[in-house]
Amino acid sequence: MQIQKVLFHKGKCFYVRDLDRDFHTQFGFIKKEDLRKSKETVKSNTDREFYIFIPSFIDSYKKIKRVPQIIPLKDIAAIVAETGINKASVVVDAGAGSGALACFLANICKRVITYEIRKDFVEVVKKNKEDLNLKNLTIKNKDIYEKIDEKNIDLITLDLPEPWKVIKNTDGALKIGGFLVSYSPTIPQVGDFINEINKNDNFHHIKTIEIIEREWDIEGRKLRPKSQPIGHSGFISFVRKIK
């Protein structure tokens, strides 16, 4: 079912999944008849005005089902920018978790294959894939520590407890010049991963980063950072296959 996005004039967003029912908010309810009509604005029963439009991918993406903690957009942006993936790229991802990273990359790339060992998580990824209409996303209930089926891959992303265990498999799966990106919440995981990478002459560690995002309040001449920045979420290690 198509999701409508209703935007209140102060910037508060509401997502409507069921157009066959009135939609209730703290600002009153909007009649289902008005939701179905092709309008730029609608009013609630309390005469509050909403702007209404069809959502883009990012609007729908923000409403996906989540089970484990997902990689935030600030970190996904770094992965996309640093690897330069595009509509011709083929990506392998593991472990999928809720499928947030896999789904985001599938919106950009030619094809994404994501590995996940937990069947309950696989079902969540399937639901998110369906809701986002991502036909180029393949979900595998398999252990990537054991084997990577694909070859000639542009990018492999890892969000795993022990990413160093996958290095031997990525060697045969990545194309020359392809990228291996590992996302880890703790620095000991990063150390174990990079130390293992440095033992393999086929790979080069480009860099490891973390991104802190600080949003600002801007109202007239009142310009100040918001009190609570988005702090540490994970370390991102970028590796390239050089031979």
C-alpha atoms as a PDB file:
ATOM      1  CA  MET A   1       0.000   0.000   0.000  1.00  0.00           C
ATOM      2  CA  GLN A   2       1.296   3.402  -0.909  1.00  0.00           C
ATOM      3  CA  ILE A   3       2.459   5.589   1.974  1.00  0.00           C
ATOM      4  CA  GLN A   4       1.379   9.209   2.037  1.00  0.00           C
ATOM      5  CA  LYS A   5       3.486  11.711   3.875  1.00  0.00           C
ATOM      6  CA  VAL A   6       1.715  14.503   5.680  1.00  0.00           C
ATOM      7  CA  LEU A   7       3.896  17.412   6.750  1.00  0.00           C
ATOM      8  CA  PHE A   8       2.652  19.787   9.432  1.00  0.00           C
ATOM      9  CA  HIS A   9       3.557  23.397   8.865  1.00  0.00           C
ATOM     10  CA  LYS A  10       6.032  23.416  11.773  1.00  0.00           C
ATOM     11  CA  GLY A  11       7.951  20.569  10.201  1.00  0.00           C
ATOM     12  CA  LYS A  12       6.501  17.562  12.010  1.00  0.00           C
ATOM     13  CA  CYS A  13       6.067  14.605   9.669  1.00  0.00           C
ATOM     14  CA  PHE A  14       3.381  11.922   9.725  1.00  0.00           C
ATOM     15  CA  TYR A  15       3.293   8.788   7.558  1.00  0.00           C
ATOM     16  CA  VAL A  16      -0.034   7.362   6.494  1.00  0.00           C
ATOM     17  CA  ARG A  17      -0.037   3.684   5.555  1.00  0.00           C
ATOM     18  CA  ASP A  18      -3.782   3.060   5.403  1.00  0.00           C
ATOM     19  CA  LEU A  19      -5.722   5.410   3.144  1.00  0.00           C
ATOM     20  CA  ASP A  20      -8.987   3.667   4.010  1.00  0.00           C
ATOM     21  CA  ARG A  21      -9.092   5.160   7.485  1.00  0.00           C
ATOM     22  CA  ASP A  22      -9.097   8.647   8.969  1.00  0.00           C
ATOM     23  CA  PHE A  23      -5.624   9.646  10.139  1.00  0.00           C
ATOM     24  CA  HIS A  24      -5.377  10.932  13.720  1.00  0.00           C
ATOM     25  CA  THR A  25      -2.710  13.286  15.076  1.00  0.00           C
ATOM     26  CA  GLN A  26      -2.317  15.501  18.131  1.00  0.00           C
ATOM     27  CA  PHE A  27      -3.447  18.324  15.843  1.00  0.00           C
ATOM     28  CA  GLY A  28      -6.758  16.659  14.981  1.00  0.00           C
ATOM     29  CA  PHE A  29      -7.717  14.043  12.410  1.00  0.00           C
ATOM     30  CA  ILE A  30      -7.715  14.153   8.612  1.00  0.00           C
ATOM     31  CA  LYS A  31     -10.569  12.491   6.778  1.00  0.00           C
ATOM     32  CA  LYS A  32      -9.752   9.498   4.598  1.00  0.00           C
ATOM     33  CA  GLU A  33     -11.558  11.171   1.708  1.00  0.00           C
ATOM     34  CA  ASP A  34      -9.129  14.085   1.853  1.00  0.00           C
ATOM     35  CA  LEU A  35      -6.128  11.755   2.046  1.00  0.00           C
ATOM     36  CA  ARG A  36      -7.132  10.051  -1.204  1.00  0.00           C
ATOM     37  CA  LYS A  37      -7.596  13.280  -3.154  1.00  0.00           C
ATOM     38  CA  SER A  38      -4.816  14.816  -5.215  1.00  0.00           C
ATOM     39  CA  LYS A  39      -4.199  17.914  -3.136  1.00  0.00           C
ATOM     40  CA  GLU A  40      -1.232  19.965  -2.006  1.00  0.00           C
ATOM     41  CA  THR A  41      -2.781  20.774   1.359  1.00  0.00           C
ATOM     42  CA  VAL A  42      -5.428  19.262   3.613  1.00  0.00           C
ATOM     43  CA  LYS A  43      -6.980  20.408   6.878  1.00  0.00           C
ATOM     44  CA  SER A  44      -7.718  18.491  10.052  1.00  0.00           C
ATOM     45  CA  ASN A  45     -11.016  18.727  11.906  1.00  0.00           C
ATOM     46  CA  THR A  46      -9.374  21.376  14.118  1.00  0.00           C
ATOM     47  CA  ASP A  47      -8.609  23.483  11.026  1.00  0.00           C
ATOM     48  CA  ARG A  48      -4.867  22.787  11.129  1.00  0.00           C
ATOM     49  CA  GLU A  49      -3.298  22.821   7.659  1.00  0.00           C
ATOM     50  CA  PHE A  50      -1.013  19.994   6.455  1.00  0.00           C
ATOM     51  CA  TYR A  51       1.028  19.781   3.277  1.00  0.00           C
ATOM     52  CA  ILE A  52       0.660  16.359   1.660  1.00  0.00           C
ATOM     53  CA  PHE A  53       2.759  14.632  -0.972  1.00  0.00           C
ATOM     54  CA  ILE A  54       3.941  11.248  -2.189  1.00  0.00           C
ATOM     55  CA  PRO A  55       7.050  10.138  -0.254  1.00  0.00           C
ATOM     56  CA  SER A  56      10.476   9.773  -1.779  1.00  0.00           C
ATOM     57  CA  PHE A  57      12.689   6.768  -0.992  1.00  0.00           C
ATOM     58  CA  ILE A  58      14.193   8.422   2.072  1.00  0.00           C
ATOM     59  CA  ASP A  59      10.761   9.118   3.561  1.00  0.00           C
ATOM     60  CA  SER A  60       9.785   5.452   3.294  1.00  0.00           C
ATOM     61  CA  TYR A  61      13.242   4.282   4.367  1.00  0.00           C
ATOM     62  CA  LYS A  62      12.940   6.115   7.675  1.00  0.00           C
ATOM     63  CA  LYS A  63       9.857   3.998   8.483  1.00  0.00           C
ATOM     64  CA  ILE A  64      11.419   0.555   7.946  1.00  0.00           C
ATOM     65  CA  LYS A  65      11.066  -2.052  10.668  1.00  0.00           C
ATOM     66  CA  ARG A  66      14.076  -2.299  12.971  1.00  0.00           C
ATOM     67  CA  VAL A  67      15.277  -5.146  15.129  1.00  0.00           C
ATOM     68  CA  PRO A  68      18.965  -4.577  16.019  1.00  0.00           C
ATOM     69  CA  GLN A  69      20.501  -1.125  15.992  1.00  0.00           C
ATOM     70  CA  ILE A  70      20.923   0.066  12.404  1.00  0.00           C
ATOM     71  CA  ILE A  71      23.838   1.929  10.833  1.00  0.00           C
ATOM     72  CA  PRO A  72      22.841   5.636  10.887  1.00  0.00           C
ATOM     73  CA  LEU A  73      22.612   7.742   7.755  1.00  0.00           C
ATOM     74  CA  LYS A  74      25.720   9.756   8.624  1.00  0.00           C
ATOM     75  CA  ASP A  75      27.804   6.566   8.419  1.00  0.00           C
ATOM     76  CA  ILE A  76      26.033   5.191   5.341  1.00  0.00           C
ATOM     77  CA  ALA A  77      26.803   8.475   3.587  1.00  0.00           C
ATOM     78  CA  ALA A  78      30.507   8.011   4.293  1.00  0.00           C
ATOM     79  CA  ILE A  79      30.446   4.481   2.873  1.00  0.00           C
ATOM     80  CA  VAL A  80      28.754   5.680  -0.313  1.00  0.00           C
ATOM     81  CA  ALA A  81      31.080   8.659  -0.722  1.00  0.00           C
ATOM     82  CA  GLU A  82      34.355   6.881   0.015  1.00  0.00           C
ATOM     83  CA  THR A  83      33.658   3.876  -2.248  1.00  0.00           C
ATOM     84  CA  GLY A  84      31.951   5.757  -5.085  1.00  0.00           C
ATOM     85  CA  ILE A  85      29.366   3.041  -5.664  1.00  0.00           C
ATOM     86  CA  ASN A  86      26.797   3.733  -8.371  1.00  0.00           C
ATOM     87  CA  LYS A  87      24.094   2.204 -10.574  1.00  0.00           C
ATOM     88  CA  ALA A  88      26.606  -0.223 -12.116  1.00  0.00           C
ATOM     89  CA  SER A  89      27.935  -1.555  -8.788  1.00  0.00           C
ATOM     90  CA  VAL A  90      27.338  -5.011  -7.319  1.00  0.00           C
ATOM     91  CA  VAL A  91      27.558  -5.205  -3.521  1.00  0.00           C
ATOM     92  CA  VAL A  92      27.699  -7.999  -0.943  1.00  0.00           C
ATOM     93  CA  ASP A  93      26.560  -7.087   2.583  1.00  0.00           C
ATOM     94  CA  ALA A  94      26.694  -9.012   5.906  1.00  0.00           C
ATOM     95  CA  GLY A  95      25.142  -9.321   8.481  1.00  0.00           C
ATOM     96  CA  ALA A  96      21.938  -7.835   7.373  1.00  0.00           C
ATOM     97  CA  GLY A  97      20.239  -7.259  10.722  1.00  0.00           C
ATOM     98  CA  SER A  98      17.177  -5.197   9.801  1.00  0.00           C
ATOM     99  CA  GLY A  99      18.551  -4.731   6.284  1.00  0.00           C
ATOM    100  CA  ALA A 100      18.926  -0.968   6.619  1.00  0.00           C
ATOM    101  CA  LEU A 101      22.326  -0.710   4.936  1.00  0.00           C
ATOM    102  CA  ALA A 102      21.462  -3.313   2.292  1.00  0.00           C
ATOM    103  CA  CYS A 103      18.216  -1.519   1.439  1.00  0.00           C
ATOM    104  CA  PHE A 104      19.891   1.877   1.190  1.00  0.00           C
ATOM    105  CA  LEU A 105      22.637   0.526  -1.056  1.00  0.00           C
ATOM    106  CA  ALA A 106      20.089  -1.311  -3.218  1.00  0.00           C
ATOM    107  CA  ASN A 107      18.451   2.034  -3.975  1.00  0.00           C
ATOM    108  CA  ILE A 108      21.769   3.150  -5.479  1.00  0.00           C
ATOM    109  CA  CYS A 109      23.404   0.050  -6.911  1.00  0.00           C
ATOM    110  CA  LYS A 110      22.727  -2.419  -9.694  1.00  0.00           C
ATOM    111  CA  ARG A 111      22.447  -5.353  -7.275  1.00  0.00           C
ATOM    112  CA  VAL A 112      22.906  -6.049  -3.560  1.00  0.00           C
ATOM    113  CA  ILE A 113      23.223  -9.485  -1.942  1.00  0.00           C
ATOM    114  CA  THR A 114      22.926  -9.529   1.842  1.00  0.00           C
ATOM    115  CA  TYR A 115      23.858 -12.411   4.179  1.00  0.00           C
ATOM    116  CA  GLU A 116      22.174 -13.018   7.538  1.00  0.00           C
ATOM    117  CA  ILE A 117      22.343 -16.143   9.723  1.00  0.00           C
ATOM    118  CA  ARG A 118      19.280 -15.394  11.885  1.00  0.00           C
ATOM    119  CA  LYS A 119      16.019 -16.456  10.291  1.00  0.00           C
ATOM    120  CA  ASP A 120      13.965 -13.971  12.321  1.00  0.00           C
ATOM    121  CA  PHE A 121      16.113 -11.115  11.023  1.00  0.00           C
ATOM    122  CA  VAL A 122      15.807 -12.450   7.474  1.00  0.00           C
ATOM    123  CA  GLU A 123      12.028 -12.114   7.730  1.00  0.00           C
ATOM    124  CA  VAL A 124      12.404  -8.480   8.791  1.00  0.00           C
ATOM    125  CA  VAL A 125      14.682  -7.764   5.828  1.00  0.00           C
ATOM    126  CA  LYS A 126      12.176  -9.392   3.480  1.00  0.00           C
ATOM    127  CA  LYS A 127       9.416  -7.143   4.823  1.00  0.00           C
ATOM    128  CA  ASN A 128      11.555  -4.007   4.444  1.00  0.00           C
ATOM    129  CA  LYS A 129      12.560  -5.050   0.928  1.00  0.00           C
ATOM    130  CA  GLU A 130       8.891  -5.450   0.009  1.00  0.00           C
ATOM    131  CA  ASP A 131       7.856  -2.136   1.565  1.00  0.00           C
ATOM    132  CA  LEU A 132      10.621  -0.301  -0.328  1.00  0.00           C
ATOM    133  CA  ASN A 133       9.966  -2.216  -3.568  1.00  0.00           C
ATOM    134  CA  LEU A 134      13.609  -3.207  -3.992  1.00  0.00           C
ATOM    135  CA  LYS A 135      13.656  -5.896  -6.663  1.00  0.00           C
ATOM    136  CA  ASN A 136      17.463  -5.869  -6.937  1.00  0.00           C
ATOM    137  CA  LEU A 137      18.042  -6.988  -3.328  1.00  0.00           C
ATOM    138  CA  THR A 138      18.789 -10.690  -2.725  1.00  0.00           C
ATOM    139  CA  ILE A 139      18.587 -12.019   0.843  1.00  0.00           C
ATOM    140  CA  LYS A 140      20.547 -15.119   1.865  1.00  0.00           C
ATOM    141  CA  ASN A 141      20.057 -16.990   5.131  1.00  0.00           C
ATOM    142  CA  LYS A 142      23.706 -18.074   5.127  1.00  0.00           C
ATOM    143  CA  ASP A 143      26.888 -17.680   7.183  1.00  0.00           C
ATOM    144  CA  ILE A 144      29.346 -15.415   5.367  1.00  0.00           C
ATOM    145  CA  TYR A 145      32.110 -16.671   7.690  1.00  0.00           C
ATOM    146  CA  GLU A 146      31.833 -19.949   5.793  1.00  0.00           C
ATOM    147  CA  LYS A 147      31.687 -18.782   2.173  1.00  0.00           C
ATOM    148  CA  ILE A 148      30.887 -15.926  -0.191  1.00  0.00           C
ATOM    149  CA  ASP A 149      29.141 -17.254  -3.289  1.00  0.00           C
ATOM    150  CA  GLU A 150      29.590 -14.178  -5.479  1.00  0.00           C
ATOM    151  CA  LYS A 151      32.634 -13.148  -7.522  1.00  0.00           C
ATOM    152  CA  ASN A 152      33.883  -9.897  -9.089  1.00  0.00           C
ATOM    153  CA  ILE A 153      32.192  -7.750  -6.436  1.00  0.00           C
ATOM    154  CA  ASP A 154      32.664  -3.971  -6.282  1.00  0.00           C
ATOM    155  CA  LEU A 155      32.035  -3.577  -2.549  1.00  0.00           C
ATOM    156  CA  ILE A 156      31.677  -5.842   0.473  1.00  0.00           C
ATOM    157  CA  THR A 157      30.258  -4.329   3.671  1.00  0.00           C
ATOM    158  CA  LEU A 158      30.551  -6.083   7.029  1.00  0.00           C
ATOM    159  CA  ASP A 159      28.596  -5.375  10.198  1.00  0.00           C
ATOM    160  CA  LEU A 160      29.718  -8.433  12.138  1.00  0.00           C
ATOM    161  CA  PRO A 161      31.092  -9.292  15.599  1.00  0.00           C
ATOM    162  CA  GLU A 162      34.272 -10.806  14.108  1.00  0.00           C
ATOM    163  CA  PRO A 163      34.846  -9.248  10.668  1.00  0.00           C
ATOM    164  CA  TRP A 164      38.443 -10.518  10.474  1.00  0.00           C
ATOM    165  CA  LYS A 165      37.055 -14.022   9.945  1.00  0.00           C
ATOM    166  CA  VAL A 166      35.669 -12.986   6.550  1.00  0.00           C
ATOM    167  CA  ILE A 167      38.894 -11.635   5.067  1.00  0.00           C
ATOM    168  CA  LYS A 168      39.955 -14.946   3.522  1.00  0.00           C
ATOM    169  CA  ASN A 169      36.580 -15.205   1.752  1.00  0.00           C
ATOM    170  CA  THR A 170      36.543 -11.612   0.520  1.00  0.00           C
ATOM    171  CA  ASP A 171      39.896 -12.132  -1.214  1.00  0.00           C
ATOM    172  CA  GLY A 172      38.273 -14.356  -3.824  1.00  0.00           C
ATOM    173  CA  ALA A 173      35.028 -12.406  -4.052  1.00  0.00           C
ATOM    174  CA  LEU A 174      36.229  -8.821  -4.551  1.00  0.00           C
ATOM    175  CA  LYS A 175      37.431  -7.538  -7.904  1.00  0.00           C
ATOM    176  CA  ILE A 176      40.821  -5.857  -8.112  1.00  0.00           C
ATOM    177  CA  GLY A 177      40.235  -2.291  -6.956  1.00  0.00           C
ATOM    178  CA  GLY A 178      37.112  -3.298  -5.061  1.00  0.00           C
ATOM    179  CA  PHE A 179      36.401  -2.065  -1.524  1.00  0.00           C
ATOM    180  CA  LEU A 180      35.961  -3.893   1.765  1.00  0.00           C
ATOM    181  CA  VAL A 181      34.253  -1.840   4.483  1.00  0.00           C
ATOM    182  CA  SER A 182      33.901  -3.019   8.063  1.00  0.00           C
ATOM    183  CA  TYR A 183      31.591  -1.328  10.568  1.00  0.00           C
ATOM    184  CA  SER A 184      32.309  -2.025  14.251  1.00  0.00           C
ATOM    185  CA  PRO A 185      31.058  -0.439  17.492  1.00  0.00           C
ATOM    186  CA  THR A 186      34.301  -0.998  19.462  1.00  0.00           C
ATOM    187  CA  ILE A 187      37.941  -0.205  18.738  1.00  0.00           C
ATOM    188  CA  PRO A 188      39.284  -3.676  19.749  1.00  0.00           C
ATOM    189  CA  GLN A 189      37.208  -5.126  16.886  1.00  0.00           C
ATOM    190  CA  VAL A 190      38.780  -2.568  14.552  1.00  0.00           C
ATOM    191  CA  GLY A 191      42.263  -3.472  15.771  1.00  0.00           C
ATOM    192  CA  ASP A 192      41.754  -7.186  15.218  1.00  0.00           C
ATOM    193  CA  PHE A 193      40.312  -6.569  11.750  1.00  0.00           C
ATOM    194  CA  ILE A 194      43.037  -4.185  10.541  1.00  0.00           C
ATOM    195  CA  ASN A 195      45.856  -6.238  12.040  1.00  0.00           C
ATOM    196  CA  GLU A 196      44.593  -9.205  10.036  1.00  0.00           C
ATOM    197  CA  ILE A 197      44.261  -7.062   6.910  1.00  0.00           C
ATOM    198  CA  ASN A 198      47.880  -5.960   7.273  1.00  0.00           C
ATOM    199  CA  LYS A 199      49.017  -9.583   7.076  1.00  0.00           C
ATOM    200  CA  ASN A 200      47.529  -9.904   3.583  1.00  0.00           C
ATOM    201  CA  ASP A 201      49.456  -8.253   0.740  1.00  0.00           C
ATOM    202  CA  ASN A 202      46.336  -8.278  -1.455  1.00  0.00           C
ATOM    203  CA  PHE A 203      44.711  -5.584   0.686  1.00  0.00           C
ATOM    204  CA  HIS A 204      45.510  -2.015   1.675  1.00  0.00           C
ATOM    205  CA  HIS A 205      43.983  -0.306   4.712  1.00  0.00           C
ATOM    206  CA  ILE A 206      42.951   3.159   3.527  1.00  0.00           C
ATOM    207  CA  LYS A 207      41.661   4.599   6.793  1.00  0.00           C
ATOM    208  CA  THR A 208      39.415   4.103   9.810  1.00  0.00           C
ATOM    209  CA  ILE A 209      37.049   6.898  10.833  1.00  0.00           C
ATOM    210  CA  GLU A 210      34.166   7.763  13.106  1.00  0.00           C
ATOM    211  CA  ILE A 211      31.685  10.521  12.359  1.00  0.00           C
ATOM    212  CA  ILE A 212      30.151  12.868  14.911  1.00  0.00           C
ATOM    213  CA  GLU A 213      27.118  14.789  13.680  1.00  0.00           C
ATOM    214  CA  ARG A 214      26.087  18.040  15.358  1.00  0.00           C
ATOM    215  CA  GLU A 215      22.855  19.718  14.316  1.00  0.00           C
ATOM    216  CA  TRP A 216      22.278  23.446  14.752  1.00  0.00           C
ATOM    217  CA  ASP A 217      19.266  25.486  15.823  1.00  0.00           C
ATOM    218  CA  ILE A 218      18.791  28.498  13.551  1.00  0.00           C
ATOM    219  CA  GLU A 219      16.086  31.011  14.394  1.00  0.00           C
ATOM    220  CA  GLY A 220      16.679  34.602  13.409  1.00  0.00           C
ATOM    221  CA  ARG A 221      19.973  35.663  14.995  1.00  0.00           C
ATOM    222  CA  LYS A 222      19.817  32.818  17.527  1.00  0.00           C
ATOM    223  CA  LEU A 223      22.402  30.422  16.106  1.00  0.00           C
ATOM    224  CA  ARG A 224      23.626  27.618  18.313  1.00  0.00           C
ATOM    225  CA  PRO A 225      24.308  23.894  18.219  1.00  0.00           C
ATOM    226  CA  LYS A 226      21.631  21.619  19.579  1.00  0.00           C
ATOM    227  CA  SER A 227      22.470  20.389  23.045  1.00  0.00           C
ATOM    228  CA  GLN A 228      22.718  16.713  22.140  1.00  0.00           C
ATOM    229  CA  PRO A 229      24.845  15.791  19.095  1.00  0.00           C
ATOM    230  CA  ILE A 230      24.692  12.390  17.427  1.00  0.00           C
ATOM    231  CA  GLY A 231      27.885  10.985  18.890  1.00  0.00           C
ATOM    232  CA  HIS A 232      29.728   7.715  18.435  1.00  0.00           C
ATOM    233  CA  SER A 233      27.801   5.060  16.575  1.00  0.00           C
ATOM    234  CA  GLY A 234      30.583   2.984  15.070  1.00  0.00           C
ATOM    235  CA  PHE A 235      34.016   2.878  13.508  1.00  0.00           C
ATOM    236  CA  ILE A 236      34.188   2.539   9.719  1.00  0.00           C
ATOM    237  CA  SER A 237      37.283   0.892   8.257  1.00  0.00           C
ATOM    238  CA  PHE A 238      37.946   1.241   4.539  1.00  0.00           C
ATOM    239  CA  VAL A 239      40.095  -1.360   2.806  1.00  0.00           C
ATOM    240  CA  ARG A 240      40.885  -1.820  -0.890  1.00  0.00           C
ATOM    241  CA  LYS A 241      41.901  -4.922  -2.781  1.00  0.00           C
ATOM    242  CA  ILE A 242      45.021  -3.986  -4.731  1.00  0.00           C
ATOM    243  CA  LYS A 243      45.999  -7.309  -6.323  1.00  0.00           C
END
